Amino acid sequence: MQTPAGVNVGPRRPALIQGTHMRREFSKRTKLVCWNRAGGQCEKCTAKLFHGNVEYHHIKECAFDGGDTPENCQVLCRTCHRKITGQRAAVIAKSNRQHAKNAGIRKPRTIRAWRKFDGRPVFATRER
């Protein structure tokens, strides 16, 4: 696909449903700015960071309209990041369920066949 200026931008992605969100990663530039700000140490416990032990954390999660800016980025060691993420996982999951419910998205039916009291079988589709 080409823009009016004639620049090739590739295929379009499908539009998101209103009320849904996508997880955003920090850009390389943002990670570099935050790494320099942290000085090679975890911003929570001040442990020395090395390759494989560095994780970049959204202070305000993407689920709650947190951006991917350096102000919303925190450089953490793996231990601190897992601790924080574990505490916030239930809140984020609830938010995701509420977004899906408001968008009209429902889980598919799991029980697809049953019997009536007189013994006749009933079959249903996966749609509710």
C-alpha atoms as a PDB file:
ATOM      1  CA  MET A   1       0.000   0.000   0.000  1.00  0.00           C
ATOM      2  CA  GLN A   2       1.257   3.494  -0.778  1.00  0.00           C
ATOM      3  CA  THR A   3       0.576   6.787   0.939  1.00  0.00           C
ATOM      4  CA  PRO A   4      -0.303   9.912  -1.078  1.00  0.00           C
ATOM      5  CA  ALA A   5       3.401  10.806  -1.029  1.00  0.00           C
ATOM      6  CA  GLY A   6       4.174   7.494  -2.749  1.00  0.00           C
ATOM      7  CA  VAL A   7       5.889   5.865   0.252  1.00  0.00           C
ATOM      8  CA  ASN A   8       5.348   2.121   0.571  1.00  0.00           C
ATOM      9  CA  VAL A   9       4.029   1.366   4.063  1.00  0.00           C
ATOM     10  CA  GLY A  10       3.151  -2.310   3.689  1.00  0.00           C
ATOM     11  CA  PRO A  11      -0.148  -4.051   4.512  1.00  0.00           C
ATOM     12  CA  ARG A  12      -2.528  -2.443   6.963  1.00  0.00           C
ATOM     13  CA  ARG A  13      -3.144  -4.043  10.313  1.00  0.00           C
ATOM     14  CA  PRO A  14      -6.753  -4.662  11.332  1.00  0.00           C
ATOM     15  CA  ALA A  15      -8.255  -1.951  13.504  1.00  0.00           C
ATOM     16  CA  LEU A  16      -8.430  -2.675  17.212  1.00  0.00           C
ATOM     17  CA  ILE A  17     -11.785  -3.091  18.894  1.00  0.00           C
ATOM     18  CA  GLN A  18     -12.687  -0.024  20.944  1.00  0.00           C
ATOM     19  CA  GLY A  19     -11.644  -0.550  24.571  1.00  0.00           C
ATOM     20  CA  THR A  20      -8.910  -3.089  23.886  1.00  0.00           C
ATOM     21  CA  HIS A  21      -5.212  -2.467  24.222  1.00  0.00           C
ATOM     22  CA  MET A  22      -1.955  -3.946  23.087  1.00  0.00           C
ATOM     23  CA  ARG A  23       1.174  -4.427  25.134  1.00  0.00           C
ATOM     24  CA  ARG A  24       3.906  -2.084  23.965  1.00  0.00           C
ATOM     25  CA  GLU A  25       7.619  -2.702  24.192  1.00  0.00           C
ATOM     26  CA  PHE A  26      10.091   0.064  24.893  1.00  0.00           C
ATOM     27  CA  SER A  27      12.123   1.206  21.900  1.00  0.00           C
ATOM     28  CA  LYS A  28      15.894   0.773  21.836  1.00  0.00           C
ATOM     29  CA  ARG A  29      16.307   4.499  22.319  1.00  0.00           C
ATOM     30  CA  THR A  30      14.063   4.538  25.397  1.00  0.00           C
ATOM     31  CA  LYS A  31      15.894   1.559  26.878  1.00  0.00           C
ATOM     32  CA  LEU A  32      19.243   3.265  26.325  1.00  0.00           C
ATOM     33  CA  VAL A  33      18.070   6.514  27.961  1.00  0.00           C
ATOM     34  CA  CYS A  34      16.733   4.580  30.967  1.00  0.00           C
ATOM     35  CA  TRP A  35      19.876   2.439  31.228  1.00  0.00           C
ATOM     36  CA  ASN A  36      22.043   5.562  31.357  1.00  0.00           C
ATOM     37  CA  ARG A  37      19.725   7.109  33.939  1.00  0.00           C
ATOM     38  CA  ALA A  38      19.957   3.986  36.149  1.00  0.00           C
ATOM     39  CA  GLY A  39      23.749   3.844  35.879  1.00  0.00           C
ATOM     40  CA  GLY A  40      23.853   0.051  35.557  1.00  0.00           C
ATOM     41  CA  GLN A  41      21.953  -0.551  38.808  1.00  0.00           C
ATOM     42  CA  CYS A  42      18.455  -1.764  39.612  1.00  0.00           C
ATOM     43  CA  GLU A  43      16.298   1.265  40.348  1.00  0.00           C
ATOM     44  CA  LYS A  44      14.561  -0.596  43.196  1.00  0.00           C
ATOM     45  CA  CYS A  45      17.199  -2.584  45.077  1.00  0.00           C
ATOM     46  CA  THR A  46      20.380  -1.010  43.561  1.00  0.00           C
ATOM     47  CA  ALA A  47      21.783  -4.421  42.562  1.00  0.00           C
ATOM     48  CA  LYS A  48      24.378  -4.352  39.784  1.00  0.00           C
ATOM     49  CA  LEU A  49      22.792  -5.197  36.436  1.00  0.00           C
ATOM     50  CA  PHE A  50      24.393  -7.366  33.774  1.00  0.00           C
ATOM     51  CA  HIS A  51      23.347  -8.964  30.491  1.00  0.00           C
ATOM     52  CA  GLY A  52      20.477 -11.381  31.108  1.00  0.00           C
ATOM     53  CA  ASN A  53      19.449  -9.808  34.420  1.00  0.00           C
ATOM     54  CA  VAL A  54      18.004  -6.531  33.061  1.00  0.00           C
ATOM     55  CA  GLU A  55      14.283  -5.992  32.591  1.00  0.00           C
ATOM     56  CA  TYR A  56      12.426  -2.817  31.672  1.00  0.00           C
ATOM     57  CA  HIS A  57       9.207  -2.275  33.607  1.00  0.00           C
ATOM     58  CA  HIS A  58       6.199  -0.093  32.770  1.00  0.00           C
ATOM     59  CA  ILE A  59       5.492   1.942  35.917  1.00  0.00           C
ATOM     60  CA  LYS A  60       1.946   2.537  34.670  1.00  0.00           C
ATOM     61  CA  GLU A  61       0.910  -0.571  32.744  1.00  0.00           C
ATOM     62  CA  CYS A  62      -0.178  -0.488  29.126  1.00  0.00           C
ATOM     63  CA  ALA A  63      -3.531  -1.868  30.278  1.00  0.00           C
ATOM     64  CA  PHE A  64      -4.055   1.421  32.110  1.00  0.00           C
ATOM     65  CA  ASP A  65      -2.896   3.660  29.256  1.00  0.00           C
ATOM     66  CA  GLY A  66       0.740   3.832  30.332  1.00  0.00           C
ATOM     67  CA  GLY A  67       2.989   4.978  27.521  1.00  0.00           C
ATOM     68  CA  ASP A  68       6.367   3.737  26.359  1.00  0.00           C
ATOM     69  CA  THR A  69       8.250   6.890  27.373  1.00  0.00           C
ATOM     70  CA  PRO A  70      11.383   7.085  29.547  1.00  0.00           C
ATOM     71  CA  GLU A  71       9.295   8.613  32.360  1.00  0.00           C
ATOM     72  CA  ASN A  72       7.168   5.450  32.447  1.00  0.00           C
ATOM     73  CA  CYS A  73      10.168   3.080  32.252  1.00  0.00           C
ATOM     74  CA  GLN A  74      11.960   1.584  35.218  1.00  0.00           C
ATOM     75  CA  VAL A  75      15.151  -0.483  34.923  1.00  0.00           C
ATOM     76  CA  LEU A  76      14.950  -3.460  37.276  1.00  0.00           C
ATOM     77  CA  CYS A  77      16.753  -6.681  38.021  1.00  0.00           C
ATOM     78  CA  ARG A  78      14.850  -9.843  37.196  1.00  0.00           C
ATOM     79  CA  THR A  79      14.002 -10.563  40.859  1.00  0.00           C
ATOM     80  CA  CYS A  80      12.446  -7.137  41.499  1.00  0.00           C
ATOM     81  CA  HIS A  81      10.561  -7.188  38.194  1.00  0.00           C
ATOM     82  CA  ARG A  82       9.006 -10.591  38.920  1.00  0.00           C
ATOM     83  CA  LYS A  83       8.011  -9.472  42.394  1.00  0.00           C
ATOM     84  CA  ILE A  84       6.260  -6.334  41.091  1.00  0.00           C
ATOM     85  CA  THR A  85       4.640  -8.124  38.144  1.00  0.00           C
ATOM     86  CA  GLY A  86       3.359 -10.916  40.393  1.00  0.00           C
ATOM     87  CA  GLN A  87       1.645  -8.388  42.638  1.00  0.00           C
ATOM     88  CA  ARG A  88      -0.005  -6.565  39.719  1.00  0.00           C
ATOM     89  CA  ALA A  89      -0.994  -9.607  37.614  1.00  0.00           C
ATOM     90  CA  ALA A  90      -4.440 -10.062  39.203  1.00  0.00           C
ATOM     91  CA  VAL A  91      -5.344  -6.385  38.726  1.00  0.00           C
ATOM     92  CA  ILE A  92      -4.256  -6.426  35.078  1.00  0.00           C
ATOM     93  CA  ALA A  93      -6.136  -9.691  34.396  1.00  0.00           C
ATOM     94  CA  LYS A  94      -9.319  -8.225  35.893  1.00  0.00           C
ATOM     95  CA  SER A  95      -8.927  -5.129  33.734  1.00  0.00           C
ATOM     96  CA  ASN A  96      -8.494  -7.297  30.616  1.00  0.00           C
ATOM     97  CA  ARG A  97     -11.658  -9.273  31.486  1.00  0.00           C
ATOM     98  CA  GLN A  98     -13.642  -6.064  31.952  1.00  0.00           C
ATOM     99  CA  HIS A  99     -12.380  -4.667  28.619  1.00  0.00           C
ATOM    100  CA  ALA A 100     -13.432  -7.890  26.864  1.00  0.00           C
ATOM    101  CA  LYS A 101     -16.832  -7.888  28.561  1.00  0.00           C
ATOM    102  CA  ASN A 102     -17.497  -4.274  27.559  1.00  0.00           C
ATOM    103  CA  ALA A 103     -16.478  -5.100  23.973  1.00  0.00           C
ATOM    104  CA  GLY A 104     -18.968  -7.989  23.902  1.00  0.00           C
ATOM    105  CA  ILE A 105     -16.305 -10.693  23.675  1.00  0.00           C
ATOM    106  CA  ARG A 106     -17.299 -13.896  25.445  1.00  0.00           C
ATOM    107  CA  LYS A 107     -15.516 -17.154  26.074  1.00  0.00           C
ATOM    108  CA  PRO A 108     -16.737 -20.024  23.895  1.00  0.00           C
ATOM    109  CA  ARG A 109     -19.065 -22.585  25.422  1.00  0.00           C
ATOM    110  CA  THR A 110     -17.172 -25.524  26.938  1.00  0.00           C
ATOM    111  CA  ILE A 111     -20.093 -27.913  27.555  1.00  0.00           C
ATOM    112  CA  ARG A 112     -21.439 -28.731  24.119  1.00  0.00           C
ATOM    113  CA  ALA A 113     -23.687 -31.707  24.780  1.00  0.00           C
ATOM    114  CA  TRP A 114     -25.987 -32.735  27.617  1.00  0.00           C
ATOM    115  CA  ARG A 115     -29.184 -34.692  28.223  1.00  0.00           C
ATOM    116  CA  LYS A 116     -32.621 -33.470  29.150  1.00  0.00           C
ATOM    117  CA  PHE A 117     -34.454 -35.071  32.053  1.00  0.00           C
ATOM    118  CA  ASP A 118     -36.329 -37.378  29.684  1.00  0.00           C
ATOM    119  CA  GLY A 119     -32.992 -38.679  28.299  1.00  0.00           C
ATOM    120  CA  ARG A 120     -32.922 -36.853  24.940  1.00  0.00           C
ATOM    121  CA  PRO A 121     -29.469 -35.483  24.023  1.00  0.00           C
ATOM    122  CA  VAL A 122     -29.014 -31.774  23.357  1.00  0.00           C
ATOM    123  CA  PHE A 123     -26.142 -30.516  21.201  1.00  0.00           C
ATOM    124  CA  ALA A 124     -25.016 -26.899  21.095  1.00  0.00           C
ATOM    125  CA  THR A 125     -22.492 -24.913  19.106  1.00  0.00           C
ATOM    126  CA  ARG A 126     -19.522 -23.244  20.727  1.00  0.00           C
ATOM    127  CA  GLU A 127     -21.297 -19.880  20.455  1.00  0.00           C
ATOM    128  CA  ARG A 128     -23.446 -18.774  23.371  1.00  0.00           C
END
